[in-house]
C-alpha cells in the first residue's frame, strides 16, 4: 500500500510525456541570451504568419491572409528545456523550440514540424 501511494505521488509530480525534440544535423537550440532576445520582437514565417513576443510575456500570432487572417493572443514563458511554451486565451497551449541551423532560424513544433523564420 505504501509503495503504491509513493508511486502515485511520483506520477503526479512528473510530466507524463516529456517532449523529445526532433533535431536534425546542424540544429542548435537557442541559448538563454538568444531566447531572452526574442522579447519585443516579431518573427515572420515564410507563409507570412507572424509571432510577436512582448517583453512582459504577452504573445500574439497573426495568420497570413492566405490562411484566413486574424490574430490569436496569449502568454508565453521559456521552459527549462529552452522551449517556448504558449498558453492561448482559449485555454489551449503548446511548446515550440527555436533552433539555428547555420544562419537560418527555425521553429520546431512538438509534432516535429519545422517552420523557417524569415531573416530580418
PDB file of N, CA and C in Angstrom:
ATOM      1  N   UNK A   1       0.830  -1.198   0.000  1.00  0.00           N
ATOM      2  CA  UNK A   1       0.000   0.000   0.000  1.00  0.00           C
ATOM      3  C   UNK A   1       0.868   1.254   0.000  1.00  0.00           C
ATOM      4  N   UNK A   2       1.899   1.295   0.828  1.00  0.00           N
ATOM      5  CA  UNK A   2       2.783   2.461   0.885  1.00  0.00           C
ATOM      6  C   UNK A   2       3.520   2.629  -0.437  1.00  0.00           C
ATOM      7  N   UNK A   3       3.935   1.511  -1.035  1.00  0.00           N
ATOM      8  CA  UNK A   3       4.633   1.577  -2.314  1.00  0.00           C
ATOM      9  C   UNK A   3       3.719   2.161  -3.392  1.00  0.00           C
ATOM     10  N   UNK A   4       2.442   1.744  -3.426  1.00  0.00           N
ATOM     11  CA  UNK A   4       1.500   2.288  -4.408  1.00  0.00           C
ATOM     12  C   UNK A   4       1.282   3.784  -4.213  1.00  0.00           C
ATOM     13  N   UNK A   5       1.187   4.215  -2.965  1.00  0.00           N
ATOM     14  CA  UNK A   5       0.999   5.633  -2.672  1.00  0.00           C
ATOM     15  C   UNK A   5       2.218   6.436  -3.117  1.00  0.00           C
ATOM     16  N   UNK A   6       3.416   5.923  -2.851  1.00  0.00           N
ATOM     17  CA  UNK A   6       4.646   6.606  -3.265  1.00  0.00           C
ATOM     18  C   UNK A   6       4.729   6.691  -4.781  1.00  0.00           C
ATOM     19  N   UNK A   7       4.360   5.607  -5.462  1.00  0.00           N
ATOM     20  CA  UNK A   7       4.378   5.605  -6.914  1.00  0.00           C
ATOM     21  C   UNK A   7       3.364   6.607  -7.466  1.00  0.00           C
ATOM     22  N   UNK A   8       2.172   6.657  -6.897  1.00  0.00           N
ATOM     23  CA  UNK A   8       1.149   7.614  -7.345  1.00  0.00           C
ATOM     24  C   UNK A   8       1.630   9.049  -7.171  1.00  0.00           C
ATOM     25  N   UNK A   9       2.274   9.358  -6.055  1.00  0.00           N
ATOM     26  CA  UNK A   9       2.790  10.717  -5.825  1.00  0.00           C
ATOM     27  C   UNK A   9       3.869  11.059  -6.834  1.00  0.00           C
ATOM     28  N   UNK A  10       4.714  10.090  -7.199  1.00  0.00           N
ATOM     29  CA  UNK A  10       5.768  10.317  -8.182  1.00  0.00           C
ATOM     30  C   UNK A  10       5.162  10.622  -9.546  1.00  0.00           C
ATOM     31  N   UNK A  11       4.117   9.883  -9.922  1.00  0.00           N
ATOM     32  CA  UNK A  11       3.494  10.109 -11.221  1.00  0.00           C
ATOM     33  C   UNK A  11       2.826  11.474 -11.293  1.00  0.00           C
ATOM     34  N   UNK A  12       2.261  11.936 -10.208  1.00  0.00           N
ATOM     35  CA  UNK A  12       1.622  13.249 -10.185  1.00  0.00           C
ATOM     36  C   UNK A  12       2.665  14.351 -10.288  1.00  0.00           C
ATOM     37  N   UNK A  13       3.833  14.145  -9.721  1.00  0.00           N
ATOM     38  CA  UNK A  13       4.851  15.188  -9.666  1.00  0.00           C
ATOM     39  C   UNK A  13       5.657  15.309 -10.952  1.00  0.00           C
ATOM     40  N   UNK A  14       5.590  14.303 -11.826  1.00  0.00           N
ATOM     41  CA  UNK A  14       6.384  14.343 -13.047  1.00  0.00           C
ATOM     42  C   UNK A  14       5.471  14.376 -14.257  1.00  0.00           C
ATOM     43  N   UNK A  15       5.914  15.031 -15.351  1.00  0.00           N
ATOM     44  CA  UNK A  15       5.080  15.063 -16.542  1.00  0.00           C
ATOM     45  C   UNK A  15       4.925  13.663 -17.118  1.00  0.00           C
ATOM     46  N   UNK A  16       3.776  13.416 -17.705  1.00  0.00           N
ATOM     47  CA  UNK A  16       3.542  12.101 -18.284  1.00  0.00           C
ATOM     48  C   UNK A  16       4.392  11.887 -19.521  1.00  0.00           C
ATOM     49  N   UNK A  17       4.585  12.930 -20.312  1.00  0.00           N
ATOM     50  CA  UNK A  17       5.388  12.813 -21.525  1.00  0.00           C
ATOM     51  C   UNK A  17       6.281  14.034 -21.666  1.00  0.00           C
ATOM     52  N   UNK A  18       7.557  13.826 -21.665  1.00  0.00           N
ATOM     53  CA  UNK A  18       8.482  14.925 -21.938  1.00  0.00           C
ATOM     54  C   UNK A  18       8.678  14.976 -23.449  1.00  0.00           C
ATOM     55  N   UNK A  19       8.773  16.169 -23.989  1.00  0.00           N
ATOM     56  CA  UNK A  19       8.967  16.306 -25.426  1.00  0.00           C
ATOM     57  C   UNK A  19      10.391  15.947 -25.788  1.00  0.00           C
ATOM     58  N   UNK A  20      10.536  15.074 -26.760  1.00  0.00           N
ATOM     59  CA  UNK A  20      11.841  14.794 -27.335  1.00  0.00           C
ATOM     60  C   UNK A  20      11.867  15.512 -28.674  1.00  0.00           C
ATOM     61  N   UNK A  21      12.616  16.591 -28.717  1.00  0.00           N
ATOM     62  CA  UNK A  21      12.641  17.424 -29.913  1.00  0.00           C
ATOM     63  C   UNK A  21      13.352  16.693 -31.032  1.00  0.00           C
ATOM     64  N   UNK A  22      12.781  16.751 -32.219  1.00  0.00           N
ATOM     65  CA  UNK A  22      13.329  16.079 -33.397  1.00  0.00           C
ATOM     66  C   UNK A  22      14.317  17.011 -34.084  1.00  0.00           C
ATOM     67  N   UNK A  23      15.534  17.007 -33.588  1.00  0.00           N
ATOM     68  CA  UNK A  23      16.568  17.873 -34.158  1.00  0.00           C
ATOM     69  C   UNK A  23      17.227  17.177 -35.337  1.00  0.00           C
ATOM     70  N   UNK A  24      17.658  17.974 -36.280  1.00  0.00           N
ATOM     71  CA  UNK A  24      18.404  17.466 -37.434  1.00  0.00           C
ATOM     72  C   UNK A  24      19.859  17.883 -37.281  1.00  0.00           C
ATOM     73  N   UNK A  25      20.699  17.259 -38.063  1.00  0.00           N
ATOM     74  CA  UNK A  25      22.117  17.601 -38.021  1.00  0.00           C
ATOM     75  C   UNK A  25      22.291  19.096 -38.276  1.00  0.00           C
ATOM     76  N   UNK A  26      23.057  19.751 -37.424  1.00  0.00           N
ATOM     77  CA  UNK A  26      23.309  21.180 -37.553  1.00  0.00           C
ATOM     78  C   UNK A  26      22.375  22.048 -36.728  1.00  0.00           C
ATOM     79  N   UNK A  27      21.291  21.470 -36.185  1.00  0.00           N
ATOM     80  CA  UNK A  27      20.377  22.245 -35.344  1.00  0.00           C
ATOM     81  C   UNK A  27      21.016  22.555 -34.004  1.00  0.00           C
ATOM     82  N   UNK A  28      20.936  23.826 -33.599  1.00  0.00           N
ATOM     83  CA  UNK A  28      21.406  24.236 -32.281  1.00  0.00           C
ATOM     84  C   UNK A  28      20.305  25.049 -31.618  1.00  0.00           C
ATOM     85  N   UNK A  29      19.728  24.510 -30.530  1.00  0.00           N
ATOM     86  CA  UNK A  29      18.694  25.291 -29.836  1.00  0.00           C
ATOM     87  C   UNK A  29      19.234  26.645 -29.395  1.00  0.00           C
ATOM     88  N   UNK A  30      18.372  27.657 -29.413  1.00  0.00           N
ATOM     89  CA  UNK A  30      18.786  28.981 -28.963  1.00  0.00           C
ATOM     90  C   UNK A  30      19.227  28.914 -27.512  1.00  0.00           C
ATOM     91  N   UNK A  31      20.266  29.674 -27.188  1.00  0.00           N
ATOM     92  CA  UNK A  31      20.733  29.722 -25.797  1.00  0.00           C
ATOM     93  C   UNK A  31      19.891  30.730 -25.012  1.00  0.00           C
ATOM     94  N   UNK A  32      20.157  30.828 -23.719  1.00  0.00           N
ATOM     95  CA  UNK A  32      19.346  31.685 -22.837  1.00  0.00           C
ATOM     96  C   UNK A  32      19.341  33.142 -23.296  1.00  0.00           C
ATOM     97  N   UNK A  33      20.482  33.660 -23.704  1.00  0.00           N
ATOM     98  CA  UNK A  33      20.554  35.056 -24.144  1.00  0.00           C
ATOM     99  C   UNK A  33      19.760  35.263 -25.441  1.00  0.00           C
ATOM    100  N   UNK A  34      19.851  34.308 -26.362  1.00  0.00           N
ATOM    101  CA  UNK A  34      19.103  34.413 -27.620  1.00  0.00           C
ATOM    102  C   UNK A  34      17.595  34.325 -27.360  1.00  0.00           C
ATOM    103  N   UNK A  35      17.197  33.446 -26.442  1.00  0.00           N
ATOM    104  CA  UNK A  35      15.781  33.336 -26.094  1.00  0.00           C
ATOM    105  C   UNK A  35      15.270  34.626 -25.456  1.00  0.00           C
ATOM    106  N   UNK A  36      16.058  35.185 -24.538  1.00  0.00           N
ATOM    107  CA  UNK A  36      15.666  36.445 -23.895  1.00  0.00           C
ATOM    108  C   UNK A  36      15.560  37.556 -24.936  1.00  0.00           C
ATOM    109  N   UNK A  37      16.372  37.489 -25.986  1.00  0.00           N
ATOM    110  CA  UNK A  37      16.354  38.487 -27.046  1.00  0.00           C
ATOM    111  C   UNK A  37      15.113  38.439 -27.928  1.00  0.00           C
ATOM    112  N   UNK A  38      14.295  37.392 -27.792  1.00  0.00           N
ATOM    113  CA  UNK A  38      13.051  37.329 -28.559  1.00  0.00           C
ATOM    114  C   UNK A  38      12.012  38.314 -28.034  1.00  0.00           C
ATOM    115  N   UNK A  39      12.135  38.686 -26.753  1.00  0.00           N
ATOM    116  CA  UNK A  39      11.176  39.619 -26.153  1.00  0.00           C
ATOM    117  C   UNK A  39      11.226  40.946 -26.899  1.00  0.00           C
ATOM    118  N   UNK A  40      10.054  41.411 -27.299  1.00  0.00           N
ATOM    119  CA  UNK A  40       9.970  42.664 -28.037  1.00  0.00           C
ATOM    120  C   UNK A  40      10.130  42.500 -29.537  1.00  0.00           C
ATOM    121  N   UNK A  41      10.230  41.266 -30.003  1.00  0.00           N
ATOM    122  CA  UNK A  41      10.430  41.022 -31.440  1.00  0.00           C
ATOM    123  C   UNK A  41       9.221  40.357 -32.068  1.00  0.00           C
ATOM    124  N   UNK A  42       9.098  40.557 -33.358  1.00  0.00           N
ATOM    125  CA  UNK A  42       8.119  39.847 -34.175  1.00  0.00           C
ATOM    126  C   UNK A  42       8.887  39.008 -35.180  1.00  0.00           C
ATOM    127  N   UNK A  43       8.595  37.716 -35.194  1.00  0.00           N
ATOM    128  CA  UNK A  43       9.222  36.799 -36.138  1.00  0.00           C
ATOM    129  C   UNK A  43       8.215  36.495 -37.239  1.00  0.00           C
ATOM    130  N   UNK A  44       8.648  36.638 -38.488  1.00  0.00           N
ATOM    131  CA  UNK A  44       7.780  36.392 -39.632  1.00  0.00           C
ATOM    132  C   UNK A  44       8.211  35.104 -40.305  1.00  0.00           C
ATOM    133  N   UNK A  45       7.228  34.243 -40.588  1.00  0.00           N
ATOM    134  CA  UNK A  45       7.481  32.966 -41.234  1.00  0.00           C
ATOM    135  C   UNK A  45       7.243  33.105 -42.733  1.00  0.00           C
ATOM    136  N   UNK A  46       7.646  32.102 -43.493  1.00  0.00           N
ATOM    137  CA  UNK A  46       7.549  32.183 -44.944  1.00  0.00           C
ATOM    138  C   UNK A  46       6.117  32.129 -45.466  1.00  0.00           C
ATOM    139  N   UNK A  47       5.147  31.739 -44.628  1.00  0.00           N
ATOM    140  CA  UNK A  47       3.738  31.806 -45.049  1.00  0.00           C
ATOM    141  C   UNK A  47       3.125  33.150 -44.673  1.00  0.00           C
ATOM    142  N   UNK A  48       3.961  34.094 -44.204  1.00  0.00           N
ATOM    143  CA  UNK A  48       3.578  35.439 -43.773  1.00  0.00           C
ATOM    144  C   UNK A  48       2.878  35.473 -42.419  1.00  0.00           C
ATOM    145  N   UNK A  49       2.816  34.359 -41.701  1.00  0.00           N
ATOM    146  CA  UNK A  49       2.345  34.376 -40.326  1.00  0.00           C
ATOM    147  C   UNK A  49       3.386  35.069 -39.459  1.00  0.00           C
ATOM    148  N   UNK A  50       2.933  35.705 -38.357  1.00  0.00           N
ATOM    149  CA  UNK A  50       3.853  36.466 -37.506  1.00  0.00           C
ATOM    150  C   UNK A  50       3.631  36.145 -36.033  1.00  0.00           C
ATOM    151  N   UNK A  51       4.706  35.761 -35.350  1.00  0.00           N
ATOM    152  CA  UNK A  51       4.682  35.556 -33.899  1.00  0.00           C
ATOM    153  C   UNK A  51       5.320  36.764 -33.245  1.00  0.00           C
ATOM    154  N   UNK A  52       4.607  37.359 -32.275  1.00  0.00           N
ATOM    155  CA  UNK A  52       5.125  38.522 -31.555  1.00  0.00           C
ATOM    156  C   UNK A  52       5.254  38.170 -30.085  1.00  0.00           C
ATOM    157  N   UNK A  53       6.461  38.336 -29.559  1.00  0.00           N
ATOM    158  CA  UNK A  53       6.771  38.065 -28.159  1.00  0.00           C
ATOM    159  C   UNK A  53       7.016  39.390 -27.453  1.00  0.00           C
ATOM    160  N   UNK A  54       6.158  39.758 -26.523  1.00  0.00           N
ATOM    161  CA  UNK A  54       6.310  41.014 -25.791  1.00  0.00           C
ATOM    162  C   UNK A  54       7.248  40.819 -24.610  1.00  0.00           C
ATOM    163  N   UNK A  55       7.900  41.918 -24.209  1.00  0.00           N
ATOM    164  CA  UNK A  55       8.813  41.862 -23.068  1.00  0.00           C
ATOM    165  C   UNK A  55       8.092  41.455 -21.787  1.00  0.00           C
ATOM    166  N   UNK A  56       6.793  41.744 -21.669  1.00  0.00           N
ATOM    167  CA  UNK A  56       6.037  41.414 -20.473  1.00  0.00           C
ATOM    168  C   UNK A  56       5.461  40.008 -20.455  1.00  0.00           C
ATOM    169  N   UNK A  57       5.743  39.192 -21.475  1.00  0.00           N
ATOM    170  CA  UNK A  57       5.253  37.820 -21.506  1.00  0.00           C
ATOM    171  C   UNK A  57       3.998  37.607 -22.326  1.00  0.00           C
ATOM    172  N   UNK A  58       3.507  38.667 -22.985  1.00  0.00           N
ATOM    173  CA  UNK A  58       2.347  38.510 -23.868  1.00  0.00           C
ATOM    174  C   UNK A  58       2.805  37.971 -25.213  1.00  0.00           C
ATOM    175  N   UNK A  59       1.896  37.268 -25.876  1.00  0.00           N
ATOM    176  CA  UNK A  59       2.198  36.651 -27.162  1.00  0.00           C
ATOM    177  C   UNK A  59       1.018  36.857 -28.093  1.00  0.00           C
ATOM    178  N   UNK A  60       1.310  37.039 -29.366  1.00  0.00           N
ATOM    179  CA  UNK A  60       0.254  37.021 -30.378  1.00  0.00           C
ATOM    180  C   UNK A  60       0.788  36.342 -31.635  1.00  0.00           C
ATOM    181  N   UNK A  61      -0.137  35.686 -32.326  1.00  0.00           N
ATOM    182  CA  UNK A  61       0.195  35.097 -33.621  1.00  0.00           C
ATOM    183  C   UNK A  61      -0.833  35.609 -34.613  1.00  0.00           C
ATOM    184  N   UNK A  62      -0.341  36.221 -35.686  1.00  0.00           N
ATOM    185  CA  UNK A  62      -1.205  36.732 -36.739  1.00  0.00           C
ATOM    186  C   UNK A  62      -1.064  35.834 -37.955  1.00  0.00           C
ATOM    187  N   UNK A  63      -2.174  35.252 -38.354  1.00  0.00           N
ATOM    188  CA  UNK A  63      -2.190  34.380 -39.525  1.00  0.00           C
ATOM    189  C   UNK A  63      -2.065  35.206 -40.794  1.00  0.00           C
ATOM    190  N   UNK A  64      -1.470  34.612 -41.822  1.00  0.00           N
ATOM    191  CA  UNK A  64      -1.385  35.295 -43.107  1.00  0.00           C
ATOM    192  C   UNK A  64      -2.780  35.404 -43.707  1.00  0.00           C
ATOM    193  N   UNK A  65      -2.961  36.330 -44.620  1.00  0.00           N
ATOM    194  CA  UNK A  65      -4.251  36.475 -45.293  1.00  0.00           C
ATOM    195  C   UNK A  65      -4.605  35.199 -46.051  1.00  0.00           C
ATOM    196  N   UNK A  66      -3.611  34.530 -46.600  1.00  0.00           N
ATOM    197  CA  UNK A  66      -3.852  33.278 -47.321  1.00  0.00           C
ATOM    198  C   UNK A  66      -4.389  32.198 -46.383  1.00  0.00           C
ATOM    199  N   UNK A  67      -4.101  32.313 -45.086  1.00  0.00           N
ATOM    200  CA  UNK A  67      -4.577  31.357 -44.089  1.00  0.00           C
ATOM    201  C   UNK A  67      -5.747  31.907 -43.283  1.00  0.00           C
ATOM    202  N   UNK A  68      -6.456  32.880 -43.840  1.00  0.00           N
ATOM    203  CA  UNK A  68      -7.659  33.396 -43.209  1.00  0.00           C
ATOM    204  C   UNK A  68      -7.477  34.647 -42.376  1.00  0.00           C
ATOM    205  N   UNK A  69      -6.235  35.089 -42.182  1.00  0.00           N
ATOM    206  CA  UNK A  69      -6.004  36.288 -41.374  1.00  0.00           C
ATOM    207  C   UNK A  69      -6.405  36.063 -39.930  1.00  0.00           C
ATOM    208  N   UNK A  70      -6.489  37.115 -39.179  1.00  0.00           N
ATOM    209  CA  UNK A  70      -6.880  37.029 -37.777  1.00  0.00           C
ATOM    210  C   UNK A  70      -5.682  36.852 -36.861  1.00  0.00           C
ATOM    211  N   UNK A  71      -5.898  37.168 -35.607  1.00  0.00           N
ATOM    212  CA  UNK A  71      -4.838  37.106 -34.609  1.00  0.00           C
ATOM    213  C   UNK A  71      -5.337  36.377 -33.370  1.00  0.00           C
ATOM    214  N   UNK A  72      -4.478  35.533 -32.809  1.00  0.00           N
ATOM    215  CA  UNK A  72      -4.767  34.877 -31.529  1.00  0.00           C
ATOM    216  C   UNK A  72      -3.795  35.427 -30.496  1.00  0.00           C
ATOM    217  N   UNK A  73      -4.254  35.518 -29.257  1.00  0.00           N
ATOM    218  CA  UNK A  73      -3.473  36.129 -28.188  1.00  0.00           C
ATOM    219  C   UNK A  73      -3.263  35.143 -27.046  1.00  0.00           C
ATOM    220  N   UNK A  74      -2.207  35.379 -26.299  1.00  0.00           N
ATOM    221  CA  UNK A  74      -1.927  34.550 -25.138  1.00  0.00           C
ATOM    222  C   UNK A  74      -0.719  35.063 -24.391  1.00  0.00           C
ATOM    223  N   UNK A  75      -0.120  34.182 -23.629  1.00  0.00           N
ATOM    224  CA  UNK A  75       1.106  34.489 -22.894  1.00  0.00           C
ATOM    225  C   UNK A  75       2.128  33.400 -23.196  1.00  0.00           C
ATOM    226  N   UNK A  76       3.389  33.706 -22.928  1.00  0.00           N
ATOM    227  CA  UNK A  76       4.437  32.704 -23.153  1.00  0.00           C
ATOM    228  C   UNK A  76       5.426  32.735 -22.002  1.00  0.00           C
ATOM    229  N   UNK A  77       6.125  31.619 -21.858  1.00  0.00           N
ATOM    230  CA  UNK A  77       7.255  31.553 -20.930  1.00  0.00           C
ATOM    231  C   UNK A  77       8.296  30.607 -21.525  1.00  0.00           C
ATOM    232  N   UNK A  78       9.520  30.770 -21.073  1.00  0.00           N
ATOM    233  CA  UNK A  78      10.611  29.915 -21.533  1.00  0.00           C
ATOM    234  C   UNK A  78      10.739  28.765 -20.537  1.00  0.00           C
ATOM    235  N   UNK A  79      10.608  27.548 -21.043  1.00  0.00           N
ATOM    236  CA  UNK A  79      10.678  26.352 -20.205  1.00  0.00           C
ATOM    237  C   UNK A  79      12.132  25.980 -19.918  1.00  0.00           C
ATOM    238  N   UNK A  80      12.317  25.081 -18.966  1.00  0.00           N
ATOM    239  CA  UNK A  80      13.668  24.663 -18.569  1.00  0.00           C
ATOM    240  C   UNK A  80      14.464  24.072 -19.720  1.00  0.00           C
ATOM    241  N   UNK A  81      13.779  23.417 -20.672  1.00  0.00           N
ATOM    242  CA  UNK A  81      14.495  22.800 -21.791  1.00  0.00           C
ATOM    243  C   UNK A  81      14.794  23.783 -22.919  1.00  0.00           C
ATOM    244  N   UNK A  82      14.433  25.065 -22.732  1.00  0.00           N
ATOM    245  CA  UNK A  82      14.696  26.082 -23.744  1.00  0.00           C
ATOM    246  C   UNK A  82      13.565  26.254 -24.740  1.00  0.00           C
ATOM    247  N   UNK A  83      12.504  25.493 -24.582  1.00  0.00           N
ATOM    248  CA  UNK A  83      11.364  25.674 -25.478  1.00  0.00           C
ATOM    249  C   UNK A  83      10.535  26.867 -25.007  1.00  0.00           C
ATOM    250  N   UNK A  84       9.745  27.395 -25.919  1.00  0.00           N
ATOM    251  CA  UNK A  84       8.851  28.498 -25.589  1.00  0.00           C
ATOM    252  C   UNK A  84       7.441  27.929 -25.530  1.00  0.00           C
ATOM    253  N   UNK A  85       6.846  28.025 -24.360  1.00  0.00           N
ATOM    254  CA  UNK A  85       5.508  27.481 -24.145  1.00  0.00           C
ATOM    255  C   UNK A  85       4.499  28.614 -24.135  1.00  0.00           C
ATOM    256  N   UNK A  86       3.468  28.452 -24.935  1.00  0.00           N
ATOM    257  CA  UNK A  86       2.443  29.464 -25.105  1.00  0.00           C
ATOM    258  C   UNK A  86       1.112  28.946 -24.569  1.00  0.00           C
ATOM    259  N   UNK A  87       0.422  29.785 -23.839  1.00  0.00           N
ATOM    260  CA  UNK A  87      -0.938  29.491 -23.365  1.00  0.00           C
ATOM    261  C   UNK A  87      -1.838  30.527 -24.016  1.00  0.00           C
ATOM    262  N   UNK A  88      -2.772  30.051 -24.837  1.00  0.00           N
ATOM    263  CA  UNK A  88      -3.666  30.950 -25.550  1.00  0.00           C
ATOM    264  C   UNK A  88      -4.882  31.287 -24.692  1.00  0.00           C
ATOM    265  N   UNK A  89      -5.529  32.389 -25.019  1.00  0.00           N
ATOM    266  CA  UNK A  89      -6.698  32.839 -24.249  1.00  0.00           C
ATOM    267  C   UNK A  89      -7.830  31.823 -24.252  1.00  0.00           C
ATOM    268  N   UNK A  90      -7.880  30.965 -25.280  1.00  0.00           N
ATOM    269  CA  UNK A  90      -8.943  29.958 -25.341  1.00  0.00           C
ATOM    270  C   UNK A  90      -8.632  28.734 -24.476  1.00  0.00           C
ATOM    271  N   UNK A  91      -7.497  28.781 -23.753  1.00  0.00           N
ATOM    272  CA  UNK A  91      -7.132  27.693 -22.859  1.00  0.00           C
ATOM    273  C   UNK A  91      -6.201  26.662 -23.472  1.00  0.00           C
ATOM    274  N   UNK A  92      -6.041  26.666 -24.779  1.00  0.00           N
ATOM    275  CA  UNK A  92      -5.122  25.728 -25.420  1.00  0.00           C
ATOM    276  C   UNK A  92      -3.693  26.209 -25.250  1.00  0.00           C
ATOM    277  N   UNK A  93      -2.752  25.312 -25.381  1.00  0.00           N
ATOM    278  CA  UNK A  93      -1.357  25.687 -25.261  1.00  0.00           C
ATOM    279  C   UNK A  93      -0.468  24.737 -26.022  1.00  0.00           C
ATOM    280  N   UNK A  94       0.772  25.145 -26.196  1.00  0.00           N
ATOM    281  CA  UNK A  94       1.755  24.313 -26.872  1.00  0.00           C
ATOM    282  C   UNK A  94       3.141  24.828 -26.559  1.00  0.00           C
ATOM    283  N   UNK A  95       4.125  23.997 -26.809  1.00  0.00           N
ATOM    284  CA  UNK A  95       5.522  24.402 -26.670  1.00  0.00           C
ATOM    285  C   UNK A  95       6.208  24.195 -28.016  1.00  0.00           C
ATOM    286  N   UNK A  96       7.095  25.104 -28.350  1.00  0.00           N
ATOM    287  CA  UNK A  96       7.877  25.040 -29.577  1.00  0.00           C
ATOM    288  C   UNK A  96       9.336  25.296 -29.224  1.00  0.00           C
ATOM    289  N   UNK A  97      10.212  24.818 -30.071  1.00  0.00           N
ATOM    290  CA  UNK A  97      11.648  25.009 -29.862  1.00  0.00           C
ATOM    291  C   UNK A  97      12.202  25.788 -31.044  1.00  0.00           C
ATOM    292  N   UNK A  98      12.908  26.882 -30.762  1.00  0.00           N
ATOM    293  CA  UNK A  98      13.606  27.618 -31.806  1.00  0.00           C
ATOM    294  C   UNK A  98      15.037  27.118 -31.868  1.00  0.00           C
ATOM    295  N   UNK A  99      15.503  26.878 -33.093  1.00  0.00           N
ATOM    296  CA  UNK A  99      16.878  26.444 -33.309  1.00  0.00           C
ATOM    297  C   UNK A  99      17.502  27.295 -34.404  1.00  0.00           C
ATOM    298  N   UNK A 100      18.811  27.318 -34.404  1.00  0.00           N
ATOM    299  CA  UNK A 100      19.570  27.871 -35.519  1.00  0.00           C
ATOM    300  C   UNK A 100      20.205  26.694 -36.237  1.00  0.00           C
ATOM    301  N   UNK A 101      20.157  26.735 -37.557  1.00  0.00           N
ATOM    302  CA  UNK A 101      20.857  25.751 -38.371  1.00  0.00           C
ATOM    303  C   UNK A 101      21.616  26.569 -39.398  1.00  0.00           C
ATOM    304  N   UNK A 102      22.913  26.703 -39.175  1.00  0.00           N
ATOM    305  CA  UNK A 102      23.688  27.654 -39.961  1.00  0.00           C
ATOM    306  C   UNK A 102      23.225  29.048 -39.580  1.00  0.00           C
ATOM    307  N   UNK A 103      22.813  29.829 -40.566  1.00  0.00           N
ATOM    308  CA  UNK A 103      22.319  31.182 -40.287  1.00  0.00           C
ATOM    309  C   UNK A 103      20.795  31.246 -40.241  1.00  0.00           C
ATOM    310  N   UNK A 104      20.134  30.121 -40.466  1.00  0.00           N
ATOM    311  CA  UNK A 104      18.667  30.096 -40.520  1.00  0.00           C
ATOM    312  C   UNK A 104      18.065  29.732 -39.168  1.00  0.00           C
ATOM    313  N   UNK A 105      17.051  30.520 -38.740  1.00  0.00           N
ATOM    314  CA  UNK A 105      16.302  30.194 -37.530  1.00  0.00           C
ATOM    315  C   UNK A 105      15.058  29.426 -37.937  1.00  0.00           C
ATOM    316  N   UNK A 106      14.761  28.373 -37.166  1.00  0.00           N
ATOM    317  CA  UNK A 106      13.571  27.577 -37.411  1.00  0.00           C
ATOM    318  C   UNK A 106      12.811  27.364 -36.118  1.00  0.00           C
ATOM    319  N   UNK A 107      11.486  27.234 -36.243  1.00  0.00           N
ATOM    320  CA  UNK A 107      10.639  26.840 -35.132  1.00  0.00           C
ATOM    321  C   UNK A 107      10.311  25.370 -35.349  1.00  0.00           C
ATOM    322  N   UNK A 108      10.498  24.549 -34.305  1.00  0.00           N
ATOM    323  CA  UNK A 108      10.143  23.136 -34.366  1.00  0.00           C
ATOM    324  C   UNK A 108       8.989  22.920 -33.390  1.00  0.00           C
ATOM    325  N   UNK A 109       7.906  22.343 -33.894  1.00  0.00           N
ATOM    326  CA  UNK A 109       6.749  22.076 -33.036  1.00  0.00           C
ATOM    327  C   UNK A 109       6.953  20.763 -32.289  1.00  0.00           C
ATOM    328  N   UNK A 110       6.092  20.517 -31.312  1.00  0.00           N
ATOM    329  CA  UNK A 110       6.137  19.260 -30.569  1.00  0.00           C
ATOM    330  C   UNK A 110       5.915  18.060 -31.477  1.00  0.00           C
ATOM    331  N   UNK A 111       5.232  18.268 -32.601  1.00  0.00           N
ATOM    332  CA  UNK A 111       4.988  17.190 -33.567  1.00  0.00           C
ATOM    333  C   UNK A 111       6.178  16.979 -34.500  1.00  0.00           C
ATOM    334  N   UNK A 112       7.177  17.864 -34.413  1.00  0.00           N
ATOM    335  CA  UNK A 112       8.346  17.742 -35.276  1.00  0.00           C
ATOM    336  C   UNK A 112       8.260  18.562 -36.549  1.00  0.00           C
ATOM    337  N   UNK A 113       7.191  19.332 -36.715  1.00  0.00           N
ATOM    338  CA  UNK A 113       7.073  20.194 -37.887  1.00  0.00           C
ATOM    339  C   UNK A 113       8.100  21.315 -37.785  1.00  0.00           C
ATOM    340  N   UNK A 114       8.663  21.699 -38.919  1.00  0.00           N
ATOM    341  CA  UNK A 114       9.721  22.710 -38.963  1.00  0.00           C
ATOM    342  C   UNK A 114       9.258  23.898 -39.796  1.00  0.00           C
ATOM    343  N   UNK A 115       9.355  25.094 -39.194  1.00  0.00           N
ATOM    344  CA  UNK A 115       8.937  26.320 -39.862  1.00  0.00           C
ATOM    345  C   UNK A 115      10.083  27.319 -39.839  1.00  0.00           C
ATOM    346  N   UNK A 116      10.699  27.571 -41.004  1.00  0.00           N
ATOM    347  CA  UNK A 116      11.776  28.557 -41.027  1.00  0.00           C
ATOM    348  C   UNK A 116      11.255  29.984 -40.837  1.00  0.00           C
ATOM    349  N   UNK A 117      12.066  30.774 -40.151  1.00  0.00           N
ATOM    350  CA  UNK A 117      11.755  32.180 -39.904  1.00  0.00           C
ATOM    351  C   UNK A 117      12.466  33.003 -40.960  1.00  0.00           C
ATOM    352  N   UNK A 118      11.764  33.988 -41.503  1.00  0.00           N
ATOM    353  CA  UNK A 118      12.392  34.874 -42.488  1.00  0.00           C
ATOM    354  C   UNK A 118      13.476  35.705 -41.811  1.00  0.00           C
ATOM    355  N   UNK A 119      14.591  35.916 -42.500  1.00  0.00           N
ATOM    356  CA  UNK A 119      15.608  36.811 -41.926  1.00  0.00           C
ATOM    357  C   UNK A 119      15.036  38.231 -41.833  1.00  0.00           C
ATOM    358  N   UNK A 120      15.506  38.977 -40.846  1.00  0.00           N
ATOM    359  CA  UNK A 120      15.020  40.361 -40.673  1.00  0.00           C
ATOM    360  C   UNK A 120      15.724  41.296 -41.604  1.00  0.00           C
TER     361      UNK A 120
END
